[in-house]
Amino acid sequence: MEIVNIVLLGPPGAGKGTQGELLSKLMNTPRISTGDMLRDAAASGSALAASVDKTLVDGDLVSDDIVVGLIKERLLIADCAHGAIFDGFPRTIRQAKELDDILAGQHAEIDLVISLEIVDDILVKRVKQREAAGSGRQDDNAETLKNRLAVYHRTASPLLAYYHAQGKLECLSGLPPIAVVSDEIATMVRRAERKPI
């Protein structure tokens, strides 16, 4: 079976988690969300928990060393033998290069990077609606989101350029209905799977 590794990028709230879950089911490939992993770490009561929890609540980035360490451990689990869907990782050029090195050690590489794009105003409006409805996580509020968006835009530009230079980047709007975006992503994946090695 071919090994296929896909990265889903995009600002917080763009739909990476939803699309990652759908793609995971379609491909029978695990979705690896560093956001989920870090929230689990923050709630674990470990020595790492307090530091990670404060970073998430502030909307800042957890250190590269911590995030890459979590990814290395996760990729050792058997369900990743034929690839993975990376949801919101990497976030920095250093993380991208370290991921390339990890995968190279497994005779694999990133095959496709999909960037879901939505303007900030719409994302802030969405999170305010969730706040008003009393739903969402502790780090899911308008003020934290604004900081997370600023951090995302600061780190995303060089990361997108890095993958564009490798010919692996595809961009699409995250605004259409979930099923429409999902169909577009599935088409991109099929195209990537047929690329000559």
C-alpha atoms as a PDB file:
ATOM      1  CA  MET A   1       0.000   0.000   0.000  1.00  0.00           C
ATOM      2  CA  GLU A   2       1.252   3.480  -0.861  1.00  0.00           C
ATOM      3  CA  ILE A   3       2.202   5.774   2.012  1.00  0.00           C
ATOM      4  CA  VAL A   4       0.344   9.100   1.775  1.00  0.00           C
ATOM      5  CA  ASN A   5       0.963  12.042   4.127  1.00  0.00           C
ATOM      6  CA  ILE A   6      -1.193  15.153   3.935  1.00  0.00           C
ATOM      7  CA  VAL A   7      -0.958  18.474   5.785  1.00  0.00           C
ATOM      8  CA  LEU A   8      -4.058  20.599   6.421  1.00  0.00           C
ATOM      9  CA  LEU A   9      -3.255  24.246   7.100  1.00  0.00           C
ATOM     10  CA  GLY A  10      -5.439  27.276   7.705  1.00  0.00           C
ATOM     11  CA  PRO A  11      -6.338  29.801  10.371  1.00  0.00           C
ATOM     12  CA  PRO A  12      -8.069  28.658  13.560  1.00  0.00           C
ATOM     13  CA  GLY A  13     -11.732  28.020  12.839  1.00  0.00           C
ATOM     14  CA  ALA A  14     -11.253  27.420   9.096  1.00  0.00           C
ATOM     15  CA  GLY A  15     -12.543  23.842   9.328  1.00  0.00           C
ATOM     16  CA  LYS A  16      -9.314  21.825   9.480  1.00  0.00           C
ATOM     17  CA  GLY A  17     -10.639  19.532  12.212  1.00  0.00           C
ATOM     18  CA  THR A  18     -13.901  18.789  10.429  1.00  0.00           C
ATOM     19  CA  GLN A  19     -12.234  18.214   7.077  1.00  0.00           C
ATOM     20  CA  GLY A  20      -9.440  16.222   8.681  1.00  0.00           C
ATOM     21  CA  GLU A  21     -11.953  13.843  10.276  1.00  0.00           C
ATOM     22  CA  LEU A  22     -13.807  13.379   6.991  1.00  0.00           C
ATOM     23  CA  LEU A  23     -10.576  12.791   5.099  1.00  0.00           C
ATOM     24  CA  SER A  24      -9.401  10.355   7.766  1.00  0.00           C
ATOM     25  CA  LYS A  25     -12.520   8.234   7.251  1.00  0.00           C
ATOM     26  CA  LEU A  26     -12.261   8.456   3.465  1.00  0.00           C
ATOM     27  CA  MET A  27      -8.615   7.357   3.405  1.00  0.00           C
ATOM     28  CA  ASN A  28      -8.676   5.113   6.492  1.00  0.00           C
ATOM     29  CA  THR A  29      -5.681   7.138   7.656  1.00  0.00           C
ATOM     30  CA  PRO A  30      -5.233   8.661  11.136  1.00  0.00           C
ATOM     31  CA  ARG A  31      -5.764  12.380  11.672  1.00  0.00           C
ATOM     32  CA  ILE A  32      -3.042  13.820  13.878  1.00  0.00           C
ATOM     33  CA  SER A  33      -4.094  17.064  15.532  1.00  0.00           C
ATOM     34  CA  THR A  34      -1.412  18.751  17.599  1.00  0.00           C
ATOM     35  CA  GLY A  35      -4.149  21.004  18.998  1.00  0.00           C
ATOM     36  CA  ASP A  36      -5.969  17.969  20.412  1.00  0.00           C
ATOM     37  CA  MET A  37      -2.707  16.464  21.664  1.00  0.00           C
ATOM     38  CA  LEU A  38      -1.720  19.689  23.415  1.00  0.00           C
ATOM     39  CA  ARG A  39      -5.152  20.131  25.006  1.00  0.00           C
ATOM     40  CA  ASP A  40      -4.883  16.550  26.295  1.00  0.00           C
ATOM     41  CA  ALA A  41      -1.414  17.349  27.657  1.00  0.00           C
ATOM     42  CA  ALA A  42      -2.734  20.510  29.326  1.00  0.00           C
ATOM     43  CA  ALA A  43      -5.455  18.506  31.072  1.00  0.00           C
ATOM     44  CA  SER A  44      -3.178  15.636  32.089  1.00  0.00           C
ATOM     45  CA  GLY A  45      -1.826  17.082  35.323  1.00  0.00           C
ATOM     46  CA  SER A  46       1.732  16.356  34.139  1.00  0.00           C
ATOM     47  CA  ALA A  47       4.706  18.631  34.741  1.00  0.00           C
ATOM     48  CA  LEU A  48       4.130  19.971  31.230  1.00  0.00           C
ATOM     49  CA  ALA A  49       0.439  20.695  31.784  1.00  0.00           C
ATOM     50  CA  ALA A  50       0.535  24.143  33.410  1.00  0.00           C
ATOM     51  CA  SER A  51       2.910  25.589  30.814  1.00  0.00           C
ATOM     52  CA  VAL A  52       0.952  24.173  27.866  1.00  0.00           C
ATOM     53  CA  ASP A  53      -2.390  25.265  29.338  1.00  0.00           C
ATOM     54  CA  LYS A  54      -1.284  28.902  29.769  1.00  0.00           C
ATOM     55  CA  THR A  55       0.158  28.983  26.245  1.00  0.00           C
ATOM     56  CA  LEU A  56      -3.079  27.676  24.730  1.00  0.00           C
ATOM     57  CA  VAL A  57      -5.284  30.059  26.724  1.00  0.00           C
ATOM     58  CA  ASP A  58      -3.109  32.998  25.620  1.00  0.00           C
ATOM     59  CA  GLY A  59      -3.348  31.842  21.990  1.00  0.00           C
ATOM     60  CA  ASP A  60       0.421  31.550  21.586  1.00  0.00           C
ATOM     61  CA  LEU A  61       2.476  28.756  20.013  1.00  0.00           C
ATOM     62  CA  VAL A  62       3.803  25.914  22.130  1.00  0.00           C
ATOM     63  CA  SER A  63       7.552  25.424  21.606  1.00  0.00           C
ATOM     64  CA  ASP A  64       8.773  23.531  18.554  1.00  0.00           C
ATOM     65  CA  ASP A  65      10.590  20.998  20.754  1.00  0.00           C
ATOM     66  CA  ILE A  66       7.413  19.992  22.590  1.00  0.00           C
ATOM     67  CA  VAL A  67       5.257  19.772  19.458  1.00  0.00           C
ATOM     68  CA  VAL A  68       7.818  17.881  17.373  1.00  0.00           C
ATOM     69  CA  GLY A  69       8.374  15.478  20.285  1.00  0.00           C
ATOM     70  CA  LEU A  70       4.649  14.714  20.385  1.00  0.00           C
ATOM     71  CA  ILE A  71       4.582  14.126  16.624  1.00  0.00           C
ATOM     72  CA  LYS A  72       7.613  11.803  16.738  1.00  0.00           C
ATOM     73  CA  GLU A  73       5.923   9.677  19.401  1.00  0.00           C
ATOM     74  CA  ARG A  74       2.610   9.614  17.527  1.00  0.00           C
ATOM     75  CA  LEU A  75       4.192   8.502  14.253  1.00  0.00           C
ATOM     76  CA  LEU A  76       5.656   5.430  15.975  1.00  0.00           C
ATOM     77  CA  ILE A  77       2.139   4.042  16.507  1.00  0.00           C
ATOM     78  CA  ALA A  78       1.240   1.298  14.019  1.00  0.00           C
ATOM     79  CA  ASP A  79      -1.800   3.055  12.543  1.00  0.00           C
ATOM     80  CA  CYS A  80       0.550   5.604  10.914  1.00  0.00           C
ATOM     81  CA  ALA A  81       2.390   2.937   8.906  1.00  0.00           C
ATOM     82  CA  HIS A  82       0.663   3.999   5.670  1.00  0.00           C
ATOM     83  CA  GLY A  83       0.587   7.736   6.294  1.00  0.00           C
ATOM     84  CA  ALA A  84      -1.193  10.403   8.294  1.00  0.00           C
ATOM     85  CA  ILE A  85      -3.249  13.554   7.988  1.00  0.00           C
ATOM     86  CA  PHE A  86      -1.547  16.371   9.884  1.00  0.00           C
ATOM     87  CA  ASP A  87      -4.152  18.836  11.156  1.00  0.00           C
ATOM     88  CA  GLY A  88      -2.591  22.236  11.850  1.00  0.00           C
ATOM     89  CA  PHE A  89       0.970  20.914  11.936  1.00  0.00           C
ATOM     90  CA  PRO A  90       3.569  22.047  11.088  1.00  0.00           C
ATOM     91  CA  ARG A  91       3.187  25.653  12.213  1.00  0.00           C
ATOM     92  CA  THR A  92       6.745  26.878  11.632  1.00  0.00           C
ATOM     93  CA  ILE A  93       9.506  26.304   9.084  1.00  0.00           C
ATOM     94  CA  ARG A  94      11.555  24.484  11.727  1.00  0.00           C
ATOM     95  CA  GLN A  95       8.645  22.124  12.394  1.00  0.00           C
ATOM     96  CA  ALA A  96       8.209  21.548   8.644  1.00  0.00           C
ATOM     97  CA  LYS A  97      11.876  20.675   8.171  1.00  0.00           C
ATOM     98  CA  GLU A  98      11.887  18.381  11.200  1.00  0.00           C
ATOM     99  CA  LEU A  99       8.748  16.651   9.913  1.00  0.00           C
ATOM    100  CA  ASP A 100      10.474  16.165   6.554  1.00  0.00           C
ATOM    101  CA  ASP A 101      13.422  14.559   8.367  1.00  0.00           C
ATOM    102  CA  ILE A 102      11.170  12.276  10.461  1.00  0.00           C
ATOM    103  CA  LEU A 103       9.288  11.094   7.377  1.00  0.00           C
ATOM    104  CA  ALA A 104      12.486  10.650   5.358  1.00  0.00           C
ATOM    105  CA  GLY A 105      13.623   8.259   8.077  1.00  0.00           C
ATOM    106  CA  GLN A 106      10.493   6.240   7.300  1.00  0.00           C
ATOM    107  CA  HIS A 107      11.094   6.429   3.514  1.00  0.00           C
ATOM    108  CA  ALA A 108       8.125   8.783   3.170  1.00  0.00           C
ATOM    109  CA  GLU A 109       7.409  12.460   2.581  1.00  0.00           C
ATOM    110  CA  ILE A 110       4.630  15.028   2.612  1.00  0.00           C
ATOM    111  CA  ASP A 111       2.607  14.405  -0.544  1.00  0.00           C
ATOM    112  CA  LEU A 112       0.089  17.248  -0.390  1.00  0.00           C
ATOM    113  CA  VAL A 113      -0.472  20.436   1.622  1.00  0.00           C
ATOM    114  CA  ILE A 114      -3.982  21.905   1.598  1.00  0.00           C
ATOM    115  CA  SER A 115      -4.533  25.431   2.888  1.00  0.00           C
ATOM    116  CA  LEU A 116      -8.126  26.279   3.867  1.00  0.00           C
ATOM    117  CA  GLU A 117      -8.618  30.008   3.543  1.00  0.00           C
ATOM    118  CA  ILE A 118     -11.195  32.222   5.266  1.00  0.00           C
ATOM    119  CA  VAL A 119     -10.897  35.937   6.067  1.00  0.00           C
ATOM    120  CA  ASP A 120     -10.385  36.871   9.710  1.00  0.00           C
ATOM    121  CA  ASP A 121     -13.625  38.864  10.100  1.00  0.00           C
ATOM    122  CA  ILE A 122     -15.738  35.797   9.374  1.00  0.00           C
ATOM    123  CA  LEU A 123     -13.751  33.663  11.824  1.00  0.00           C
ATOM    124  CA  VAL A 124     -14.156  36.246  14.595  1.00  0.00           C
ATOM    125  CA  LYS A 125     -17.896  36.475  13.885  1.00  0.00           C
ATOM    126  CA  ARG A 126     -18.180  32.677  14.154  1.00  0.00           C
ATOM    127  CA  VAL A 127     -16.384  32.497  17.497  1.00  0.00           C
ATOM    128  CA  LYS A 128     -18.542  35.303  18.903  1.00  0.00           C
ATOM    129  CA  GLN A 129     -21.620  33.284  17.930  1.00  0.00           C
ATOM    130  CA  ARG A 130     -20.211  30.237  19.747  1.00  0.00           C
ATOM    131  CA  GLU A 131     -19.452  32.401  22.798  1.00  0.00           C
ATOM    132  CA  ALA A 132     -23.001  33.772  22.831  1.00  0.00           C
ATOM    133  CA  ALA A 133     -24.381  30.233  22.594  1.00  0.00           C
ATOM    134  CA  GLY A 134     -22.171  29.113  25.492  1.00  0.00           C
ATOM    135  CA  SER A 135     -20.373  26.511  23.376  1.00  0.00           C
ATOM    136  CA  GLY A 136     -16.692  26.084  22.602  1.00  0.00           C
ATOM    137  CA  ARG A 137     -13.494  25.490  24.568  1.00  0.00           C
ATOM    138  CA  GLN A 138     -11.740  27.655  27.153  1.00  0.00           C
ATOM    139  CA  ASP A 139      -9.402  28.929  24.433  1.00  0.00           C
ATOM    140  CA  ASP A 140     -12.319  29.471  22.035  1.00  0.00           C
ATOM    141  CA  ASN A 141     -13.200  33.149  22.466  1.00  0.00           C
ATOM    142  CA  ALA A 142     -12.875  36.313  20.405  1.00  0.00           C
ATOM    143  CA  GLU A 143      -9.881  37.810  22.222  1.00  0.00           C
ATOM    144  CA  THR A 144      -7.846  34.612  22.164  1.00  0.00           C
ATOM    145  CA  LEU A 145      -8.820  34.047  18.531  1.00  0.00           C
ATOM    146  CA  LYS A 146      -7.543  37.486  17.504  1.00  0.00           C
ATOM    147  CA  ASN A 147      -4.166  36.659  19.038  1.00  0.00           C
ATOM    148  CA  ARG A 148      -4.158  33.180  17.455  1.00  0.00           C
ATOM    149  CA  LEU A 149      -4.927  34.722  14.056  1.00  0.00           C
ATOM    150  CA  ALA A 150      -2.058  37.205  14.420  1.00  0.00           C
ATOM    151  CA  VAL A 151       0.291  34.341  15.316  1.00  0.00           C
ATOM    152  CA  TYR A 152      -1.023  32.246  12.405  1.00  0.00           C
ATOM    153  CA  HIS A 153      -0.518  34.979   9.810  1.00  0.00           C
ATOM    154  CA  ARG A 154       2.990  35.681  11.109  1.00  0.00           C
ATOM    155  CA  THR A 155       4.059  32.036  10.757  1.00  0.00           C
ATOM    156  CA  ALA A 156       1.896  30.903   7.818  1.00  0.00           C
ATOM    157  CA  SER A 157       3.375  33.027   5.039  1.00  0.00           C
ATOM    158  CA  PRO A 158       6.885  31.481   5.087  1.00  0.00           C
ATOM    159  CA  LEU A 159       5.383  28.015   5.644  1.00  0.00           C
ATOM    160  CA  LEU A 160       3.081  28.303   2.628  1.00  0.00           C
ATOM    161  CA  ALA A 161       6.014  29.569   0.551  1.00  0.00           C
ATOM    162  CA  TYR A 162       8.089  26.572   1.716  1.00  0.00           C
ATOM    163  CA  TYR A 163       5.496  24.074   0.488  1.00  0.00           C
ATOM    164  CA  HIS A 164       4.707  26.069  -2.661  1.00  0.00           C
ATOM    165  CA  ALA A 165       8.385  25.885  -3.632  1.00  0.00           C
ATOM    166  CA  GLN A 166       8.132  22.090  -3.318  1.00  0.00           C
ATOM    167  CA  GLY A 167       5.092  22.014  -5.618  1.00  0.00           C
ATOM    168  CA  LYS A 168       2.931  20.493  -2.867  1.00  0.00           C
ATOM    169  CA  LEU A 169       0.605  23.381  -1.958  1.00  0.00           C
ATOM    170  CA  GLU A 170      -3.085  23.605  -2.913  1.00  0.00           C
ATOM    171  CA  CYS A 171      -5.316  26.424  -1.623  1.00  0.00           C
ATOM    172  CA  LEU A 172      -9.089  26.510  -1.415  1.00  0.00           C
ATOM    173  CA  SER A 173     -11.802  28.498   0.292  1.00  0.00           C
ATOM    174  CA  GLY A 174     -13.155  27.107   3.555  1.00  0.00           C
ATOM    175  CA  LEU A 175     -16.379  29.099   3.132  1.00  0.00           C
ATOM    176  CA  PRO A 176     -18.551  26.738   1.021  1.00  0.00           C
ATOM    177  CA  PRO A 177     -20.648  24.034   2.722  1.00  0.00           C
ATOM    178  CA  ILE A 178     -18.658  21.252   4.413  1.00  0.00           C
ATOM    179  CA  ALA A 179     -19.591  18.658   1.773  1.00  0.00           C
ATOM    180  CA  VAL A 180     -18.441  20.920  -1.079  1.00  0.00           C
ATOM    181  CA  VAL A 181     -15.048  21.562   0.551  1.00  0.00           C
ATOM    182  CA  SER A 182     -14.726  17.855   1.355  1.00  0.00           C
ATOM    183  CA  ASP A 183     -15.334  16.912  -2.290  1.00  0.00           C
ATOM    184  CA  GLU A 184     -12.703  19.413  -3.454  1.00  0.00           C
ATOM    185  CA  ILE A 185     -10.185  18.017  -0.972  1.00  0.00           C
ATOM    186  CA  ALA A 186     -10.917  14.447  -2.099  1.00  0.00           C
ATOM    187  CA  THR A 187     -10.223  15.483  -5.711  1.00  0.00           C
ATOM    188  CA  MET A 188      -6.909  17.063  -4.679  1.00  0.00           C
ATOM    189  CA  VAL A 189      -5.916  13.903  -2.794  1.00  0.00           C
ATOM    190  CA  ARG A 190      -6.703  11.661  -5.757  1.00  0.00           C
ATOM    191  CA  ARG A 191      -4.585  13.921  -7.957  1.00  0.00           C
ATOM    192  CA  ALA A 192      -1.682  13.769  -5.463  1.00  0.00           C
ATOM    193  CA  GLU A 193      -1.905   9.967  -5.215  1.00  0.00           C
ATOM    194  CA  ARG A 194      -1.450   9.696  -8.977  1.00  0.00           C
ATOM    195  CA  LYS A 195       1.678  11.862  -9.064  1.00  0.00           C
ATOM    196  CA  PRO A 196       4.697  10.017 -10.420  1.00  0.00           C
ATOM    197  CA  ILE A 197       7.358   9.353  -7.775  1.00  0.00           C
END
